[in-house]
Amino acid sequence: MLLADLQEDIGAAVVDSAIPGCASLLVGGDDPTRRFAIHSRHYAASLARSLVERFAATVWLAGSELVTHAAMEFVREHPPTRPCMAEYGEGFPAYLASCGGTRLPYLGQFATMDWHLGRMAIAVDTAPLQTLADGDPARLAGARLALQPGTEYVALDWSLDELITFYLSGQAPDRYVLRNETVWLELRGCRGELWLNRLTRGDYVFRQAVADGSTLGRAAQLAVGADDGFEPGRAMLAMLHAGLVTEVVQARGDES
């Protein structure tokens, strides 16, 4: 058996909690397969513990039993595909919603915020642009902008930004009634500091489109379609004043 085949066999057996095809090569103790099973259990437990720690705010909201059980199942069904553990768990909020969505219909959206805030806590801002005055006004509609790395946009169906603020501040009220309402949220993080900013629908659509790589012209069209009171010039100035824009990454006169 080639080394690559051996490694693949062992890896698959660890993930699937199965006996590897190369079991005859295992040595040590009266029953080497039992010793091998210890590694498999440790693998699953370590990944699940990593997820639970990664979604600490979600544990605070839903309880450790629900999140831990979902984490163990998620690890078995969705093992890591990348070597960096910091990137593992992006699909967990949706999986968690399928586990606890009946009892807590807002759980998936809350966990999504938790995931983003965890990434943003280690983000570092780059030097922001102060103005677009150096750009060609005739080509500005075709410009694409880069935003600060610790920026994310999330649309919520509940007042979950207030809930997660309670967690971050450590000052939860004795009683809180979660409201079923639409919230357009901008999440910002830099050097351990986090900000949650509510936006109007037009500003949310505009900033989300810019973040997704749309040209300013296309982003403005989408925003006006969502909110006929949207003002592109004011919205662009607001992004500059907030220090969100870091670079004009593309500008072509043939796009709108």
Protein backbone atom coordinates (compact mmCIF):
# COMPACT_ATOMS: atom_id res chain seq x y z
CA MET A 1 0.00 0.00 0.00
CA LEU A 2 1.38 3.39 -1.00
CA LEU A 3 1.88 6.03 1.71
CA ALA A 4 -0.78 8.29 0.15
CA ASP A 5 -3.31 5.43 0.13
CA LEU A 6 -2.45 4.57 3.73
CA GLN A 7 -2.93 8.17 4.83
CA GLU A 8 -6.27 8.40 3.00
CA ASP A 9 -7.45 5.14 4.59
CA ILE A 10 -6.48 6.23 8.09
CA GLY A 11 -8.00 9.70 7.62
CA ALA A 12 -11.32 8.35 6.36
CA ALA A 13 -11.49 5.84 9.23
CA VAL A 14 -10.87 8.57 11.82
CA VAL A 15 -13.58 10.80 10.36
CA ASP A 16 -16.11 7.97 9.98
CA SER A 17 -15.30 6.33 13.33
CA ALA A 18 -14.63 3.09 11.41
CA ILE A 19 -11.95 0.41 11.36
CA PRO A 20 -9.40 1.24 8.65
CA GLY A 21 -8.73 -1.14 5.81
CA CYS A 22 -5.12 -1.30 6.96
CA ALA A 23 -6.13 -2.53 10.44
CA SER A 24 -3.72 -5.45 10.12
CA LEU A 25 -0.86 -2.94 10.21
CA LEU A 26 -1.92 -1.47 13.55
CA VAL A 27 0.17 -2.50 16.56
CA GLY A 28 0.14 -1.90 20.29
CA GLY A 29 -1.87 -3.46 23.10
CA ASP A 30 -4.14 -6.47 23.03
CA ASP A 31 -6.52 -4.82 20.56
CA PRO A 32 -4.95 -2.07 18.39
CA THR A 33 -8.32 -1.21 16.85
CA ARG A 34 -9.60 -0.12 20.26
CA ARG A 35 -6.59 2.15 20.62
CA PHE A 36 -7.30 3.52 17.15
CA ALA A 37 -10.91 4.25 18.18
CA ILE A 38 -9.58 6.54 20.92
CA HIS A 39 -8.02 8.77 18.26
CA SER A 40 -11.30 8.84 16.33
CA ARG A 41 -13.27 9.87 19.41
CA HIS A 42 -10.66 12.50 20.28
CA TYR A 43 -10.87 13.90 16.74
CA ALA A 44 -14.66 14.32 16.92
CA ALA A 45 -14.63 15.67 20.46
CA SER A 46 -11.89 18.19 19.68
CA LEU A 47 -13.70 19.54 16.62
CA ALA A 48 -17.02 19.74 18.47
CA ARG A 49 -15.37 21.55 21.37
CA SER A 50 -13.81 23.98 18.91
CA LEU A 51 -17.23 24.75 17.44
CA VAL A 52 -18.85 25.22 20.84
CA GLU A 53 -16.10 27.63 21.86
CA ARG A 54 -16.31 29.40 18.51
CA PHE A 55 -20.05 30.02 18.96
CA ALA A 56 -19.94 31.18 22.57
CA ALA A 57 -22.73 33.75 22.14
CA THR A 58 -24.98 31.08 20.63
CA VAL A 59 -24.32 28.84 23.63
CA TRP A 60 -25.25 31.78 25.87
CA LEU A 61 -28.56 32.09 24.03
CA ALA A 62 -29.57 28.49 23.35
CA GLY A 63 -27.72 26.54 26.02
CA SER A 64 -24.71 24.26 25.80
CA GLU A 65 -26.71 21.02 25.47
CA LEU A 66 -28.36 21.96 22.18
CA VAL A 67 -25.24 23.51 20.65
CA THR A 68 -22.94 20.67 21.76
CA HIS A 69 -25.26 18.00 20.37
CA ALA A 70 -25.55 19.86 17.06
CA ALA A 71 -21.76 20.32 16.96
CA MET A 72 -21.14 16.58 17.38
CA GLU A 73 -23.54 15.78 14.54
CA PHE A 74 -22.12 18.54 12.34
CA VAL A 75 -18.57 17.23 12.79
CA ARG A 76 -19.65 13.76 11.67
CA GLU A 77 -21.60 14.99 8.66
CA HIS A 78 -19.37 17.91 7.63
CA PRO A 79 -15.71 17.26 8.47
CA PRO A 80 -13.17 20.04 7.77
CA THR A 81 -12.10 20.52 4.17
CA ARG A 82 -9.43 23.16 4.86
CA PRO A 83 -6.30 22.98 7.01
CA CYS A 84 -7.08 26.21 8.91
CA MET A 85 -9.37 25.52 11.88
CA ALA A 86 -10.27 29.22 12.11
CA GLU A 87 -12.22 28.73 8.86
CA TYR A 88 -14.17 25.70 10.12
CA GLY A 89 -17.80 26.22 11.05
CA GLU A 90 -19.13 28.62 8.43
CA GLY A 91 -21.95 26.19 7.64
CA PHE A 92 -22.77 25.52 11.30
CA PRO A 93 -25.40 28.29 11.73
CA ALA A 94 -27.60 26.79 8.99
CA TYR A 95 -27.10 23.30 10.42
CA LEU A 96 -27.92 24.55 13.90
CA ALA A 97 -31.11 26.15 12.59
CA SER A 98 -32.21 22.79 11.24
CA CYS A 99 -31.68 21.26 14.68
CA GLY A 100 -33.30 23.92 16.86
CA GLY A 101 -35.30 25.96 14.37
CA THR A 102 -38.69 24.75 15.55
CA ARG A 103 -38.15 25.83 19.14
CA LEU A 104 -35.92 28.82 18.33
CA PRO A 105 -36.73 30.08 14.80
CA TYR A 106 -34.17 32.87 15.13
CA LEU A 107 -31.29 30.59 16.13
CA GLY A 108 -29.70 30.34 12.69
CA GLN A 109 -29.58 34.10 12.19
CA PHE A 110 -28.17 34.67 15.66
CA ALA A 111 -25.46 32.05 15.07
CA THR A 112 -24.63 33.71 11.74
CA MET A 113 -23.98 36.99 13.55
CA ASP A 114 -21.92 35.07 16.11
CA TRP A 115 -19.78 33.58 13.29
CA HIS A 116 -19.15 36.95 11.67
CA LEU A 117 -18.33 38.72 14.94
CA GLY A 118 -15.82 36.00 15.78
CA ARG A 119 -13.98 36.68 12.52
CA MET A 120 -14.17 40.43 12.93
CA ALA A 121 -12.74 40.39 16.44
CA ILE A 122 -9.32 39.70 14.89
CA ALA A 123 -9.68 41.98 11.86
CA VAL A 124 -7.37 44.93 11.35
CA ASP A 125 -8.42 48.05 9.44
CA THR A 126 -6.39 49.34 6.53
CA ALA A 127 -5.93 53.02 5.71
CA PRO A 128 -9.31 54.35 4.53
CA LEU A 129 -9.86 56.63 1.54
CA GLN A 130 -10.90 60.12 2.57
CA THR A 131 -12.29 61.16 -0.80
CA LEU A 132 -12.94 59.99 -4.33
CA ALA A 133 -11.97 63.40 -5.72
CA ASP A 134 -9.03 61.90 -7.61
CA GLY A 135 -11.35 59.64 -9.60
CA ASP A 136 -12.83 60.54 -12.96
CA PRO A 137 -16.46 61.60 -12.27
CA ALA A 138 -17.47 60.37 -15.73
CA ARG A 139 -16.31 56.87 -14.84
CA LEU A 140 -17.35 56.80 -11.18
CA ALA A 141 -20.52 54.81 -11.87
CA GLY A 142 -18.33 52.00 -13.18
CA ALA A 143 -16.04 51.98 -10.13
CA ARG A 144 -15.79 49.03 -7.78
CA LEU A 145 -14.67 49.63 -4.22
CA ALA A 146 -12.86 47.57 -1.60
CA LEU A 147 -14.18 47.86 1.96
CA GLN A 148 -12.53 47.31 5.31
CA PRO A 149 -11.92 43.57 5.92
CA GLY A 150 -13.88 43.51 9.18
CA THR A 151 -17.20 44.42 7.55
CA GLU A 152 -20.26 42.27 6.99
CA TYR A 153 -23.93 42.88 6.17
CA VAL A 154 -26.74 40.75 7.58
CA ALA A 155 -30.52 41.05 7.19
CA LEU A 156 -32.42 39.85 10.25
CA ASP A 157 -36.06 38.97 10.91
CA TRP A 158 -35.75 39.66 14.63
CA SER A 159 -34.21 42.26 16.95
CA LEU A 160 -31.20 39.98 17.41
CA ASP A 161 -28.68 42.81 17.34
CA GLU A 162 -30.02 43.89 20.73
CA LEU A 163 -29.68 40.35 22.07
CA ILE A 164 -26.08 39.96 20.98
CA THR A 165 -25.28 43.41 22.37
CA PHE A 166 -26.46 42.16 25.77
CA TYR A 167 -24.03 39.26 25.44
CA LEU A 168 -21.11 41.43 24.36
CA SER A 169 -21.68 43.96 27.13
CA GLY A 170 -22.40 41.37 29.83
CA GLN A 171 -25.40 43.46 30.91
CA ALA A 172 -28.55 41.53 30.02
CA PRO A 173 -31.81 42.90 31.42
CA ASP A 174 -33.94 40.83 33.77
CA ARG A 175 -36.62 40.65 31.10
CA TYR A 176 -36.48 41.14 27.34
CA VAL A 177 -39.12 40.59 24.66
CA LEU A 178 -37.60 39.66 21.31
CA ARG A 179 -39.38 41.51 18.50
CA ASN A 180 -40.18 40.00 15.13
CA GLU A 181 -39.01 42.87 12.89
CA THR A 182 -36.78 43.43 9.89
CA VAL A 183 -33.32 44.70 10.77
CA TRP A 184 -30.70 45.67 8.16
CA LEU A 185 -27.42 45.40 9.98
CA GLU A 186 -23.83 46.38 9.34
CA LEU A 187 -21.29 44.50 11.46
CA ARG A 188 -17.86 46.08 11.93
CA GLY A 189 -14.83 44.83 13.79
CA CYS A 190 -11.25 45.98 14.30
CA ARG A 191 -8.57 44.98 16.82
CA GLY A 192 -11.04 43.34 19.21
CA GLU A 193 -13.63 46.13 19.05
CA LEU A 194 -17.05 45.42 17.53
CA TRP A 195 -19.85 47.68 16.29
CA LEU A 196 -23.38 46.82 15.18
CA ASN A 197 -25.03 49.55 13.09
CA ARG A 198 -28.63 49.51 11.92
CA LEU A 199 -29.09 50.82 8.38
CA THR A 200 -32.02 51.94 6.28
CA ARG A 201 -33.09 49.47 3.63
CA GLY A 202 -31.58 51.57 0.84
CA ASP A 203 -28.22 51.97 2.57
CA TYR A 204 -28.14 48.26 3.37
CA VAL A 205 -28.80 47.22 -0.23
CA PHE A 206 -26.24 49.75 -1.51
CA ARG A 207 -23.46 48.72 0.90
CA GLN A 208 -24.17 45.02 0.50
CA ALA A 209 -23.98 45.33 -3.28
CA VAL A 210 -20.70 47.27 -3.08
CA ALA A 211 -19.30 44.66 -0.67
CA ASP A 212 -20.31 41.92 -3.12
CA GLY A 213 -18.36 43.60 -5.93
CA SER A 214 -21.05 45.54 -7.80
CA THR A 215 -20.13 48.80 -9.47
CA LEU A 216 -21.33 51.97 -7.77
CA GLY A 217 -23.80 52.52 -10.60
CA ARG A 218 -25.31 49.05 -10.24
CA ALA A 219 -25.37 49.28 -6.44
CA ALA A 220 -27.21 52.60 -6.66
CA GLN A 221 -29.78 51.11 -9.05
CA LEU A 222 -30.46 48.25 -6.65
CA ALA A 223 -30.76 50.61 -3.70
CA VAL A 224 -33.17 52.97 -5.46
CA GLY A 225 -35.25 49.95 -6.46
CA ALA A 226 -35.45 48.92 -2.81
CA ASP A 227 -35.99 52.44 -1.44
CA ASP A 228 -37.16 55.23 -3.74
CA GLY A 229 -35.92 57.82 -1.23
CA PHE A 230 -32.33 56.58 -1.49
CA GLU A 231 -29.72 59.24 -2.36
CA PRO A 232 -26.53 57.72 -3.89
CA GLY A 233 -24.34 60.79 -3.29
CA ARG A 234 -25.24 61.01 0.40
CA ALA A 235 -24.79 57.25 0.82
CA MET A 236 -21.34 57.31 -0.76
CA LEU A 237 -20.21 60.21 1.45
CA ALA A 238 -21.49 58.37 4.52
CA MET A 239 -19.36 55.33 3.67
CA LEU A 240 -16.28 57.53 3.20
CA HIS A 241 -16.88 59.38 6.47
CA ALA A 242 -17.27 56.05 8.28
CA GLY A 243 -13.86 54.94 6.99
CA LEU A 244 -15.33 51.93 5.18
CA VAL A 245 -13.76 52.46 1.76
CA THR A 246 -10.13 51.41 1.35
CA GLU A 247 -9.52 51.33 -2.40
CA VAL A 248 -10.97 51.85 -5.84
CA VAL A 249 -10.25 48.39 -7.19
CA GLN A 250 -11.68 48.80 -10.69
CA ALA A 251 -13.13 51.55 -12.80
CA ARG A 252 -14.36 51.11 -16.35
CA GLY A 253 -16.38 53.52 -18.40
CA ASP A 254 -18.38 50.80 -20.12
CA GLU A 255 -20.33 49.70 -17.04
CA SER A 256 -23.19 51.29 -15.13
